[in-house]
Amino acid sequence: MANKKVTYLFIDTSYLKDAKANFGHPDFMELLRRSNEDEVKIFISQIAWEERRTQLVEEARQFVGKFTTAYVALNRHFAHNIVCSGLEPASMSLCTEEAIDASSKESMNIFAKNNKIKIISLAYDHAERAWQRYFDVDLPFNPAEIRENRRKDIPDSWILEAAIDSKAKHPELMALCGDGKLSNALAAIGVSVFKTAEEVLKNIDSSSDPESVKETVFDQDAAPTPGDDTVTTQSPLEKLLGKTQEQFKHFDARVLGYVGYLGSTSKDQLFTLLSQTGMSLEVAKNVAERLVIAGVITDTGNHYLPKNKEAAELAATEVEPEIIKLLGDAQ
């Protein structure tokens, strides 16, 4: 079909690790079928692909190790058990660790090629960008964690850079990711994140269903214009994103209100107060960054300042009682 809609999907290690039976889960297999029919374009970072390959290699080595231990124990038993003295020692032929590693590389390459999976190689600037995220304690890193624990997320920062490049080429990029920190980081750059292939398939099917491609949406607050038959329509994807954005509306208003009310307070003080309201640090940073991109607030480096003063004042009025209570409790 010439006008067939293509879905662009970025997959993280966290999902690949959960795909049962070595990539044999039915929903994942359905994604691969659609990939072969060019309905879905699958992207996987080289870091994620290597991470999963080495995980599978380690699993194979563990089984070989267990078998080897049992083999040695069996021959030792034969040597000391009189009833086995007339038997030939047990023999076996096992692949070496080097053979397993070589086979894994070839097999993974063939699997990617046969299923039209694009493995995103490391770009020349990924190292600089990923390390800058680490030193700036930017997503996916959590500033509330000690540095030693944050280091565990360094591979995710490389994976995120690959996603950022993919998002630049394919604005409607989706992601399969079960890792909380990386999911937050992907959402922060505008990627629609799903935990299961089933969710992705449902989203694809609902978007392509002719009966649900468009729905009539009426603005009940607006009076109809005589002779104007124009209606506003929403696609299923727009509806889904609308629901997601709806969940963040009160976060947007709260962060903007705090910035407007507190004025020149530091980022640390701002995030500390917001955390006392139950908002996680990751969400607070995500919302603040989006408000900066939207031109509502300004990032000076150490502070956020209101840029749209009218909006900031309106939001500040809404959160003023909450802030006064928080500051009063702190005294």
C-alpha atoms as a PDB file:
ATOM      1  CA  MET A   1       0.000   0.000   0.000  1.00  0.00           C
ATOM      2  CA  ALA A   2       1.551   3.291  -1.046  1.00  0.00           C
ATOM      3  CA  ASN A   3       0.116   5.311   1.840  1.00  0.00           C
ATOM      4  CA  LYS A   4       0.690   2.680   4.502  1.00  0.00           C
ATOM      5  CA  LYS A   5       1.507   4.281   7.844  1.00  0.00           C
ATOM      6  CA  VAL A   6       4.892   3.287   9.257  1.00  0.00           C
ATOM      7  CA  THR A   7       5.489   3.041  13.001  1.00  0.00           C
ATOM      8  CA  TYR A   8       8.978   3.822  14.275  1.00  0.00           C
ATOM      9  CA  LEU A   9       9.853   1.892  17.418  1.00  0.00           C
ATOM     10  CA  PHE A  10      12.920   2.198  19.675  1.00  0.00           C
ATOM     11  CA  ILE A  11      13.536  -0.860  21.889  1.00  0.00           C
ATOM     12  CA  ASP A  12      15.605  -0.893  25.096  1.00  0.00           C
ATOM     13  CA  THR A  13      17.456  -3.757  26.792  1.00  0.00           C
ATOM     14  CA  SER A  14      14.913  -3.777  29.610  1.00  0.00           C
ATOM     15  CA  TYR A  15      12.257  -5.022  27.186  1.00  0.00           C
ATOM     16  CA  LEU A  16      14.538  -7.419  25.309  1.00  0.00           C
ATOM     17  CA  LYS A  17      15.454  -9.039  28.615  1.00  0.00           C
ATOM     18  CA  ASP A  18      11.773  -9.648  29.372  1.00  0.00           C
ATOM     19  CA  ALA A  19      10.937 -11.027  25.916  1.00  0.00           C
ATOM     20  CA  LYS A  20      10.358 -14.674  26.821  1.00  0.00           C
ATOM     21  CA  ALA A  21      11.981 -17.680  25.173  1.00  0.00           C
ATOM     22  CA  ASN A  22      14.850 -15.768  23.595  1.00  0.00           C
ATOM     23  CA  PHE A  23      12.776 -13.233  21.644  1.00  0.00           C
ATOM     24  CA  GLY A  24      10.007 -15.793  21.125  1.00  0.00           C
ATOM     25  CA  HIS A  25       7.128 -13.995  22.873  1.00  0.00           C
ATOM     26  CA  PRO A  26       4.057 -13.943  20.567  1.00  0.00           C
ATOM     27  CA  ASP A  27       3.592 -10.164  20.766  1.00  0.00           C
ATOM     28  CA  PHE A  28       7.251  -9.550  19.992  1.00  0.00           C
ATOM     29  CA  MET A  29       7.067 -12.020  17.117  1.00  0.00           C
ATOM     30  CA  GLU A  30       4.091 -10.044  15.769  1.00  0.00           C
ATOM     31  CA  LEU A  31       6.193  -6.877  15.860  1.00  0.00           C
ATOM     32  CA  LEU A  32       8.910  -8.701  13.943  1.00  0.00           C
ATOM     33  CA  ARG A  33       6.357  -9.857  11.358  1.00  0.00           C
ATOM     34  CA  ARG A  34       5.243  -6.278  10.838  1.00  0.00           C
ATOM     35  CA  SER A  35       8.869  -5.204  10.680  1.00  0.00           C
ATOM     36  CA  ASN A  36       9.444  -7.646   7.823  1.00  0.00           C
ATOM     37  CA  GLU A  37       6.413  -6.170   6.060  1.00  0.00           C
ATOM     38  CA  ASP A  38       7.790  -2.642   6.605  1.00  0.00           C
ATOM     39  CA  GLU A  39       4.848  -1.620   8.781  1.00  0.00           C
ATOM     40  CA  VAL A  40       7.151  -1.168  11.786  1.00  0.00           C
ATOM     41  CA  LYS A  41      10.725   0.113  11.732  1.00  0.00           C
ATOM     42  CA  ILE A  42      12.605  -1.193  14.768  1.00  0.00           C
ATOM     43  CA  PHE A  43      15.648   0.606  16.156  1.00  0.00           C
ATOM     44  CA  ILE A  44      17.928  -0.741  18.883  1.00  0.00           C
ATOM     45  CA  SER A  45      21.012   0.983  20.238  1.00  0.00           C
ATOM     46  CA  GLN A  46      24.269  -0.908  19.784  1.00  0.00           C
ATOM     47  CA  ILE A  47      24.748  -0.592  23.550  1.00  0.00           C
ATOM     48  CA  ALA A  48      21.377  -2.263  24.234  1.00  0.00           C
ATOM     49  CA  TRP A  49      21.994  -4.952  21.596  1.00  0.00           C
ATOM     50  CA  GLU A  50      25.425  -5.794  23.024  1.00  0.00           C
ATOM     51  CA  GLU A  51      24.064  -5.745  26.551  1.00  0.00           C
ATOM     52  CA  ARG A  52      21.417  -8.315  25.670  1.00  0.00           C
ATOM     53  CA  ARG A  53      23.874 -10.430  23.656  1.00  0.00           C
ATOM     54  CA  THR A  54      26.323 -10.649  26.548  1.00  0.00           C
ATOM     55  CA  GLN A  55      23.488 -11.440  28.976  1.00  0.00           C
ATOM     56  CA  LEU A  56      22.498 -14.407  26.809  1.00  0.00           C
ATOM     57  CA  VAL A  57      26.139 -15.479  26.479  1.00  0.00           C
ATOM     58  CA  GLU A  58      26.475 -15.443  30.262  1.00  0.00           C
ATOM     59  CA  GLU A  59      23.347 -17.596  30.596  1.00  0.00           C
ATOM     60  CA  ALA A  60      24.777 -20.146  28.142  1.00  0.00           C
ATOM     61  CA  ARG A  61      28.109 -20.187  29.964  1.00  0.00           C
ATOM     62  CA  GLN A  62      26.381 -20.833  33.265  1.00  0.00           C
ATOM     63  CA  PHE A  63      24.598 -23.882  31.844  1.00  0.00           C
ATOM     64  CA  VAL A  64      27.853 -25.192  30.371  1.00  0.00           C
ATOM     65  CA  GLY A  65      29.539 -24.625  33.727  1.00  0.00           C
ATOM     66  CA  LYS A  66      26.862 -26.576  35.582  1.00  0.00           C
ATOM     67  CA  PHE A  67      27.110 -29.417  33.081  1.00  0.00           C
ATOM     68  CA  THR A  68      30.908 -29.490  33.378  1.00  0.00           C
ATOM     69  CA  THR A  69      30.719 -29.666  37.170  1.00  0.00           C
ATOM     70  CA  ALA A  70      28.264 -32.567  36.938  1.00  0.00           C
ATOM     71  CA  TYR A  71      30.515 -34.330  34.383  1.00  0.00           C
ATOM     72  CA  VAL A  72      33.572 -34.100  36.637  1.00  0.00           C
ATOM     73  CA  ALA A  73      31.541 -35.352  39.618  1.00  0.00           C
ATOM     74  CA  LEU A  74      30.204 -38.279  37.548  1.00  0.00           C
ATOM     75  CA  ASN A  75      33.667 -39.509  36.476  1.00  0.00           C
ATOM     76  CA  ARG A  76      34.961 -39.095  40.027  1.00  0.00           C
ATOM     77  CA  HIS A  77      32.088 -41.267  41.207  1.00  0.00           C
ATOM     78  CA  PHE A  78      32.802 -43.893  38.519  1.00  0.00           C
ATOM     79  CA  ALA A  79      36.438 -44.058  39.631  1.00  0.00           C
ATOM     80  CA  HIS A  80      35.519 -44.860  43.248  1.00  0.00           C
ATOM     81  CA  ASN A  81      32.380 -46.962  42.781  1.00  0.00           C
ATOM     82  CA  ILE A  82      33.257 -50.653  42.411  1.00  0.00           C
ATOM     83  CA  VAL A  83      30.107 -51.476  40.467  1.00  0.00           C
ATOM     84  CA  CYS A  84      31.182 -48.998  37.776  1.00  0.00           C
ATOM     85  CA  SER A  85      34.742 -50.307  37.461  1.00  0.00           C
ATOM     86  CA  GLY A  86      33.924 -52.125  34.249  1.00  0.00           C
ATOM     87  CA  LEU A  87      32.400 -49.105  32.573  1.00  0.00           C
ATOM     88  CA  GLU A  88      34.157 -46.673  30.286  1.00  0.00           C
ATOM     89  CA  PRO A  89      34.547 -43.168  31.717  1.00  0.00           C
ATOM     90  CA  ALA A  90      31.780 -40.803  30.603  1.00  0.00           C
ATOM     91  CA  SER A  91      32.739 -38.583  27.679  1.00  0.00           C
ATOM     92  CA  MET A  92      31.319 -35.347  26.373  1.00  0.00           C
ATOM     93  CA  SER A  93      31.978 -32.674  23.822  1.00  0.00           C
ATOM     94  CA  LEU A  94      31.149 -29.143  24.891  1.00  0.00           C
ATOM     95  CA  CYS A  95      31.570 -25.871  23.070  1.00  0.00           C
ATOM     96  CA  THR A  96      34.174 -23.505  24.463  1.00  0.00           C
ATOM     97  CA  GLU A  97      33.470 -20.032  25.838  1.00  0.00           C
ATOM     98  CA  GLU A  98      35.158 -18.598  22.747  1.00  0.00           C
ATOM     99  CA  ALA A  99      32.863 -20.621  20.471  1.00  0.00           C
ATOM    100  CA  ILE A 100      29.780 -19.425  22.380  1.00  0.00           C
ATOM    101  CA  ASP A 101      30.889 -15.799  22.066  1.00  0.00           C
ATOM    102  CA  ALA A 102      31.614 -16.105  18.340  1.00  0.00           C
ATOM    103  CA  SER A 103      28.300 -17.865  17.706  1.00  0.00           C
ATOM    104  CA  SER A 104      26.402 -15.207  19.663  1.00  0.00           C
ATOM    105  CA  LYS A 105      27.753 -12.389  17.505  1.00  0.00           C
ATOM    106  CA  GLU A 106      26.940 -14.176  14.260  1.00  0.00           C
ATOM    107  CA  SER A 107      23.485 -15.276  15.447  1.00  0.00           C
ATOM    108  CA  MET A 108      22.495 -11.818  16.684  1.00  0.00           C
ATOM    109  CA  ASN A 109      23.652 -10.233  13.417  1.00  0.00           C
ATOM    110  CA  ILE A 110      21.597 -12.728  11.404  1.00  0.00           C
ATOM    111  CA  PHE A 111      18.554 -12.208  13.638  1.00  0.00           C
ATOM    112  CA  ALA A 112      18.715  -8.429  13.185  1.00  0.00           C
ATOM    113  CA  LYS A 113      19.180  -8.739   9.424  1.00  0.00           C
ATOM    114  CA  ASN A 114      16.386 -11.296   8.969  1.00  0.00           C
ATOM    115  CA  ASN A 115      13.930  -9.133  10.903  1.00  0.00           C
ATOM    116  CA  LYS A 116      14.999  -5.766   9.455  1.00  0.00           C
ATOM    117  CA  ILE A 117      16.111  -4.451  12.853  1.00  0.00           C
ATOM    118  CA  LYS A 118      18.308  -1.355  12.620  1.00  0.00           C
ATOM    119  CA  ILE A 119      21.162  -1.480  15.121  1.00  0.00           C
ATOM    120  CA  ILE A 120      22.171   2.120  15.833  1.00  0.00           C
ATOM    121  CA  SER A 121      25.951   2.364  15.958  1.00  0.00           C
ATOM    122  CA  LEU A 122      27.687   4.707  18.369  1.00  0.00           C
ATOM    123  CA  ALA A 123      27.950   8.171  16.840  1.00  0.00           C
ATOM    124  CA  TYR A 124      31.120  10.242  17.075  1.00  0.00           C
ATOM    125  CA  ASP A 125      29.554  12.614  19.625  1.00  0.00           C
ATOM    126  CA  HIS A 126      27.670  10.098  21.777  1.00  0.00           C
ATOM    127  CA  ALA A 127      30.515   9.751  24.262  1.00  0.00           C
ATOM    128  CA  GLU A 128      30.770  13.495  24.855  1.00  0.00           C
ATOM    129  CA  ARG A 129      27.004  13.893  25.140  1.00  0.00           C
ATOM    130  CA  ALA A 130      26.555  10.899  27.458  1.00  0.00           C
ATOM    131  CA  TRP A 131      29.380  11.941  29.781  1.00  0.00           C
ATOM    132  CA  GLN A 132      28.054  15.495  29.859  1.00  0.00           C
ATOM    133  CA  ARG A 133      24.722  14.113  31.065  1.00  0.00           C
ATOM    134  CA  TYR A 134      26.558  12.218  33.778  1.00  0.00           C
ATOM    135  CA  PHE A 135      28.501  15.245  35.008  1.00  0.00           C
ATOM    136  CA  ASP A 136      25.423  17.507  34.786  1.00  0.00           C
ATOM    137  CA  VAL A 137      23.351  14.825  36.577  1.00  0.00           C
ATOM    138  CA  ASP A 138      20.773  15.154  33.823  1.00  0.00           C
ATOM    139  CA  LEU A 139      18.193  12.483  32.909  1.00  0.00           C
ATOM    140  CA  PRO A 140      18.425   9.504  33.168  1.00  0.00           C
ATOM    141  CA  PHE A 141      20.656  10.201  36.197  1.00  0.00           C
ATOM    142  CA  ASN A 142      19.073  10.898  39.566  1.00  0.00           C
ATOM    143  CA  PRO A 143      20.748  13.700  41.582  1.00  0.00           C
ATOM    144  CA  ALA A 144      19.219  12.242  44.763  1.00  0.00           C
ATOM    145  CA  GLU A 145      21.454   9.172  44.385  1.00  0.00           C
ATOM    146  CA  ILE A 146      25.104   9.034  45.370  1.00  0.00           C
ATOM    147  CA  ARG A 147      27.606   9.175  42.516  1.00  0.00           C
ATOM    148  CA  GLU A 148      28.557   5.503  42.865  1.00  0.00           C
ATOM    149  CA  ASN A 149      24.955   4.445  42.254  1.00  0.00           C
ATOM    150  CA  ARG A 150      24.492   6.903  39.388  1.00  0.00           C
ATOM    151  CA  ARG A 151      27.320   5.217  37.516  1.00  0.00           C
ATOM    152  CA  LYS A 152      25.055   2.209  36.968  1.00  0.00           C
ATOM    153  CA  ASP A 153      22.971   4.376  34.632  1.00  0.00           C
ATOM    154  CA  ILE A 154      25.852   5.310  32.311  1.00  0.00           C
ATOM    155  CA  PRO A 155      24.845   2.679  29.685  1.00  0.00           C
ATOM    156  CA  ASP A 156      21.319   4.141  29.706  1.00  0.00           C
ATOM    157  CA  SER A 157      22.722   7.601  28.952  1.00  0.00           C
ATOM    158  CA  TRP A 158      24.348   6.191  25.789  1.00  0.00           C
ATOM    159  CA  ILE A 159      21.092   4.466  24.846  1.00  0.00           C
ATOM    160  CA  LEU A 160      19.250   7.753  25.379  1.00  0.00           C
ATOM    161  CA  GLU A 161      21.561   9.559  22.960  1.00  0.00           C
ATOM    162  CA  ALA A 162      20.727   6.982  20.281  1.00  0.00           C
ATOM    163  CA  ALA A 163      17.033   7.581  20.977  1.00  0.00           C
ATOM    164  CA  ILE A 164      17.502  11.354  20.699  1.00  0.00           C
ATOM    165  CA  ASP A 165      19.052  10.926  17.241  1.00  0.00           C
ATOM    166  CA  SER A 166      16.233   8.589  16.178  1.00  0.00           C
ATOM    167  CA  LYS A 167      13.612  11.013  17.499  1.00  0.00           C
ATOM    168  CA  ALA A 168      15.142  13.825  15.432  1.00  0.00           C
ATOM    169  CA  LYS A 169      14.629  11.754  12.278  1.00  0.00           C
ATOM    170  CA  HIS A 170      11.261  10.277  13.255  1.00  0.00           C
ATOM    171  CA  PRO A 171       9.222  12.722  15.403  1.00  0.00           C
ATOM    172  CA  GLU A 172       6.478  10.144  16.161  1.00  0.00           C
ATOM    173  CA  LEU A 173       8.990   7.687  17.621  1.00  0.00           C
ATOM    174  CA  MET A 174       7.645   5.194  20.178  1.00  0.00           C
ATOM    175  CA  ALA A 175       9.673   3.159  22.644  1.00  0.00           C
ATOM    176  CA  LEU A 176       9.462  -0.205  24.371  1.00  0.00           C
ATOM    177  CA  CYS A 177      11.119   0.247  27.744  1.00  0.00           C
ATOM    178  CA  GLY A 178      10.602  -1.251  31.195  1.00  0.00           C
ATOM    179  CA  ASP A 179      13.266   0.779  32.964  1.00  0.00           C
ATOM    180  CA  GLY A 180      11.752   3.591  35.044  1.00  0.00           C
ATOM    181  CA  LYS A 181      14.601   6.099  34.813  1.00  0.00           C
ATOM    182  CA  LEU A 182      15.152   5.623  31.091  1.00  0.00           C
ATOM    183  CA  SER A 183      11.391   5.719  30.479  1.00  0.00           C
ATOM    184  CA  ASN A 184      11.231   9.122  32.199  1.00  0.00           C
ATOM    185  CA  ALA A 185      14.146  10.355  30.117  1.00  0.00           C
ATOM    186  CA  LEU A 186      12.540   9.116  26.883  1.00  0.00           C
ATOM    187  CA  ALA A 187       9.241  10.752  27.820  1.00  0.00           C
ATOM    188  CA  ALA A 188      11.103  13.994  28.520  1.00  0.00           C
ATOM    189  CA  ILE A 189      12.280  14.148  24.887  1.00  0.00           C
ATOM    190  CA  GLY A 190       8.755  13.520  23.611  1.00  0.00           C
ATOM    191  CA  VAL A 191       8.873   9.776  22.963  1.00  0.00           C
ATOM    192  CA  SER A 192       5.712   7.755  23.671  1.00  0.00           C
ATOM    193  CA  VAL A 193       6.855   4.965  25.996  1.00  0.00           C
ATOM    194  CA  PHE A 194       5.197   1.563  26.350  1.00  0.00           C
ATOM    195  CA  LYS A 195       6.123  -1.321  28.648  1.00  0.00           C
ATOM    196  CA  THR A 196       4.830  -4.192  26.521  1.00  0.00           C
ATOM    197  CA  ALA A 197       4.643  -5.081  22.854  1.00  0.00           C
ATOM    198  CA  GLU A 198       0.921  -5.710  23.354  1.00  0.00           C
ATOM    199  CA  GLU A 199       0.441  -2.017  24.213  1.00  0.00           C
ATOM    200  CA  VAL A 200       2.381  -0.972  21.126  1.00  0.00           C
ATOM    201  CA  LEU A 201       0.335  -3.252  18.879  1.00  0.00           C
ATOM    202  CA  LYS A 202      -2.935  -1.939  20.318  1.00  0.00           C
ATOM    203  CA  ASN A 203      -1.780   1.626  19.709  1.00  0.00           C
ATOM    204  CA  ILE A 204      -0.786   0.850  16.121  1.00  0.00           C
ATOM    205  CA  ASP A 205      -4.056  -0.956  15.405  1.00  0.00           C
ATOM    206  CA  SER A 206      -6.223   1.758  16.948  1.00  0.00           C
ATOM    207  CA  SER A 207      -4.427   4.409  14.910  1.00  0.00           C
ATOM    208  CA  SER A 208      -4.962   2.504  11.665  1.00  0.00           C
ATOM    209  CA  ASP A 209      -8.569   1.450  12.327  1.00  0.00           C
ATOM    210  CA  PRO A 210     -10.712   3.244   9.702  1.00  0.00           C
ATOM    211  CA  GLU A 211     -13.623   3.371  12.138  1.00  0.00           C
ATOM    212  CA  SER A 212     -11.599   5.218  14.754  1.00  0.00           C
ATOM    213  CA  VAL A 213      -9.226   7.352  12.741  1.00  0.00           C
ATOM    214  CA  LYS A 214     -11.331  10.446  13.347  1.00  0.00           C
ATOM    215  CA  GLU A 215     -13.820  11.378  16.006  1.00  0.00           C
ATOM    216  CA  THR A 216     -15.976  14.478  16.181  1.00  0.00           C
ATOM    217  CA  VAL A 217     -15.097  16.626  19.174  1.00  0.00           C
ATOM    218  CA  PHE A 218     -17.370  19.519  20.119  1.00  0.00           C
ATOM    219  CA  ASP A 219     -16.275  22.490  22.156  1.00  0.00           C
ATOM    220  CA  GLN A 220     -19.212  22.814  24.535  1.00  0.00           C
ATOM    221  CA  ASP A 221     -18.070  26.240  25.704  1.00  0.00           C
ATOM    222  CA  ALA A 222     -18.176  27.729  22.234  1.00  0.00           C
ATOM    223  CA  ALA A 223     -21.356  28.767  20.479  1.00  0.00           C
ATOM    224  CA  PRO A 224     -21.708  27.314  16.965  1.00  0.00           C
ATOM    225  CA  THR A 225     -21.267  29.734  14.118  1.00  0.00           C
ATOM    226  CA  PRO A 226     -24.234  29.727  11.724  1.00  0.00           C
ATOM    227  CA  GLY A 227     -23.329  28.226   8.387  1.00  0.00           C
ATOM    228  CA  ASP A 228     -20.009  26.874   9.699  1.00  0.00           C
ATOM    229  CA  ASP A 229     -19.936  23.087   9.371  1.00  0.00           C
ATOM    230  CA  THR A 230     -16.262  22.791  10.381  1.00  0.00           C
ATOM    231  CA  VAL A 231     -15.622  20.329  13.238  1.00  0.00           C
ATOM    232  CA  THR A 232     -12.491  19.563  15.215  1.00  0.00           C
ATOM    233  CA  THR A 233     -11.182  16.035  14.840  1.00  0.00           C
ATOM    234  CA  GLN A 234      -8.751  13.993  16.878  1.00  0.00           C
ATOM    235  CA  SER A 235      -6.881  10.894  15.807  1.00  0.00           C
ATOM    236  CA  PRO A 236      -6.552   8.018  18.318  1.00  0.00           C
ATOM    237  CA  LEU A 237      -2.881   8.934  18.772  1.00  0.00           C
ATOM    238  CA  GLU A 238      -3.820  12.534  19.572  1.00  0.00           C
ATOM    239  CA  LYS A 239      -6.385  11.263  22.064  1.00  0.00           C
ATOM    240  CA  LEU A 240      -3.792   9.016  23.707  1.00  0.00           C
ATOM    241  CA  LEU A 241      -1.241  11.806  23.907  1.00  0.00           C
ATOM    242  CA  GLY A 242      -3.961  14.124  25.175  1.00  0.00           C
ATOM    243  CA  LYS A 243      -4.628  11.782  28.073  1.00  0.00           C
ATOM    244  CA  THR A 244      -0.915  11.609  28.824  1.00  0.00           C
ATOM    245  CA  GLN A 245      -0.594  15.391  28.714  1.00  0.00           C
ATOM    246  CA  GLU A 246      -3.682  15.739  30.896  1.00  0.00           C
ATOM    247  CA  GLN A 247      -1.890  13.866  33.670  1.00  0.00           C
ATOM    248  CA  PHE A 248       0.896  16.456  33.650  1.00  0.00           C
ATOM    249  CA  LYS A 249      -1.306  19.559  33.544  1.00  0.00           C
ATOM    250  CA  HIS A 250      -1.449  19.942  37.301  1.00  0.00           C
ATOM    251  CA  PHE A 251       2.308  19.361  37.481  1.00  0.00           C
ATOM    252  CA  ASP A 252       2.882  22.133  34.926  1.00  0.00           C
ATOM    253  CA  ALA A 253       0.690  24.544  36.868  1.00  0.00           C
ATOM    254  CA  ARG A 254       2.309  23.630  40.179  1.00  0.00           C
ATOM    255  CA  VAL A 255       5.903  24.051  38.973  1.00  0.00           C
ATOM    256  CA  LEU A 256       5.070  27.314  37.198  1.00  0.00           C
ATOM    257  CA  GLY A 257       3.247  28.536  40.302  1.00  0.00           C
ATOM    258  CA  TYR A 258       6.205  27.774  42.551  1.00  0.00           C
ATOM    259  CA  VAL A 259       8.602  29.545  40.178  1.00  0.00           C
ATOM    260  CA  GLY A 260       6.277  32.543  39.985  1.00  0.00           C
ATOM    261  CA  TYR A 261       5.697  32.739  43.737  1.00  0.00           C
ATOM    262  CA  LEU A 262       9.254  32.083  44.938  1.00  0.00           C
ATOM    263  CA  GLY A 263      10.931  34.353  42.401  1.00  0.00           C
ATOM    264  CA  SER A 264      14.702  33.915  42.510  1.00  0.00           C
ATOM    265  CA  THR A 265      14.898  30.791  44.673  1.00  0.00           C
ATOM    266  CA  SER A 266      17.563  28.266  43.603  1.00  0.00           C
ATOM    267  CA  LYS A 267      16.748  25.094  41.693  1.00  0.00           C
ATOM    268  CA  ASP A 268      17.705  22.981  44.718  1.00  0.00           C
ATOM    269  CA  GLN A 269      15.312  24.880  46.961  1.00  0.00           C
ATOM    270  CA  LEU A 270      12.573  24.697  44.332  1.00  0.00           C
ATOM    271  CA  PHE A 271      12.906  20.944  43.868  1.00  0.00           C
ATOM    272  CA  THR A 272      13.109  20.384  47.634  1.00  0.00           C
ATOM    273  CA  LEU A 273       9.782  22.142  48.154  1.00  0.00           C
ATOM    274  CA  LEU A 274       8.163  20.347  45.220  1.00  0.00           C
ATOM    275  CA  SER A 275       9.329  16.989  46.580  1.00  0.00           C
ATOM    276  CA  GLN A 276       7.499  17.782  49.830  1.00  0.00           C
ATOM    277  CA  THR A 277       4.264  17.919  47.830  1.00  0.00           C
ATOM    278  CA  GLY A 278       4.844  14.345  46.638  1.00  0.00           C
ATOM    279  CA  MET A 279       6.244  15.218  43.211  1.00  0.00           C
ATOM    280  CA  SER A 280       9.263  13.093  42.303  1.00  0.00           C
ATOM    281  CA  LEU A 281      12.511  14.827  41.387  1.00  0.00           C
ATOM    282  CA  GLU A 282      12.477  13.241  37.908  1.00  0.00           C
ATOM    283  CA  VAL A 283       9.006  14.583  37.158  1.00  0.00           C
ATOM    284  CA  ALA A 284       9.812  18.045  38.594  1.00  0.00           C
ATOM    285  CA  LYS A 285      12.931  18.354  36.433  1.00  0.00           C
ATOM    286  CA  ASN A 286      11.071  17.026  33.391  1.00  0.00           C
ATOM    287  CA  VAL A 287       8.243  19.554  33.816  1.00  0.00           C
ATOM    288  CA  ALA A 288      10.648  22.458  34.431  1.00  0.00           C
ATOM    289  CA  GLU A 289      12.632  21.606  31.300  1.00  0.00           C
ATOM    290  CA  ARG A 290       9.457  21.466  29.217  1.00  0.00           C
ATOM    291  CA  LEU A 291       8.345  24.846  30.585  1.00  0.00           C
ATOM    292  CA  VAL A 292      11.734  26.254  29.554  1.00  0.00           C
ATOM    293  CA  ILE A 293      11.349  24.819  26.037  1.00  0.00           C
ATOM    294  CA  ALA A 294       7.820  26.259  25.849  1.00  0.00           C
ATOM    295  CA  GLY A 295       9.210  29.701  26.719  1.00  0.00           C
ATOM    296  CA  VAL A 296       7.176  30.010  29.932  1.00  0.00           C
ATOM    297  CA  ILE A 297      10.165  30.141  32.304  1.00  0.00           C
ATOM    298  CA  THR A 298      13.870  30.904  31.851  1.00  0.00           C
ATOM    299  CA  ASP A 299      16.765  28.707  32.987  1.00  0.00           C
ATOM    300  CA  THR A 300      19.652  30.872  34.254  1.00  0.00           C
ATOM    301  CA  GLY A 301      21.767  27.910  35.255  1.00  0.00           C
ATOM    302  CA  ASN A 302      21.123  27.883  38.988  1.00  0.00           C
ATOM    303  CA  HIS A 303      17.599  29.352  38.971  1.00  0.00           C
ATOM    304  CA  TYR A 304      14.341  29.303  37.053  1.00  0.00           C
ATOM    305  CA  LEU A 305      12.721  32.691  36.463  1.00  0.00           C
ATOM    306  CA  PRO A 306       9.233  33.509  35.124  1.00  0.00           C
ATOM    307  CA  LYS A 307       9.266  34.495  31.461  1.00  0.00           C
ATOM    308  CA  ASN A 308       5.524  34.638  30.882  1.00  0.00           C
ATOM    309  CA  LYS A 309       4.753  36.792  33.916  1.00  0.00           C
ATOM    310  CA  GLU A 310       0.981  36.746  33.469  1.00  0.00           C
ATOM    311  CA  ALA A 311       0.849  32.938  33.427  1.00  0.00           C
ATOM    312  CA  ALA A 312       3.277  32.737  36.363  1.00  0.00           C
ATOM    313  CA  GLU A 313       1.163  35.109  38.463  1.00  0.00           C
ATOM    314  CA  LEU A 314      -2.024  33.164  37.757  1.00  0.00           C
ATOM    315  CA  ALA A 315      -0.328  29.873  38.642  1.00  0.00           C
ATOM    316  CA  ALA A 316       1.244  31.410  41.766  1.00  0.00           C
ATOM    317  CA  THR A 317      -2.189  32.449  43.030  1.00  0.00           C
ATOM    318  CA  GLU A 318      -3.372  28.840  42.797  1.00  0.00           C
ATOM    319  CA  VAL A 319      -0.459  27.361  44.762  1.00  0.00           C
ATOM    320  CA  GLU A 320       0.004  30.218  47.262  1.00  0.00           C
ATOM    321  CA  PRO A 321      -1.906  28.502  50.135  1.00  0.00           C
ATOM    322  CA  GLU A 322       0.106  25.320  49.594  1.00  0.00           C
ATOM    323  CA  ILE A 323       3.444  27.161  49.598  1.00  0.00           C
ATOM    324  CA  ILE A 324       2.573  29.194  52.695  1.00  0.00           C
ATOM    325  CA  LYS A 325       1.721  25.971  54.537  1.00  0.00           C
ATOM    326  CA  LEU A 326       4.959  24.297  53.443  1.00  0.00           C
ATOM    327  CA  LEU A 327       7.075  27.277  54.487  1.00  0.00           C
ATOM    328  CA  GLY A 328       5.189  27.513  57.768  1.00  0.00           C
ATOM    329  CA  ASP A 329       5.765  23.840  58.537  1.00  0.00           C
ATOM    330  CA  ALA A 330       9.474  24.286  57.869  1.00  0.00           C
ATOM    331  CA  GLN A 331       9.810  26.999  60.524  1.00  0.00           C
END
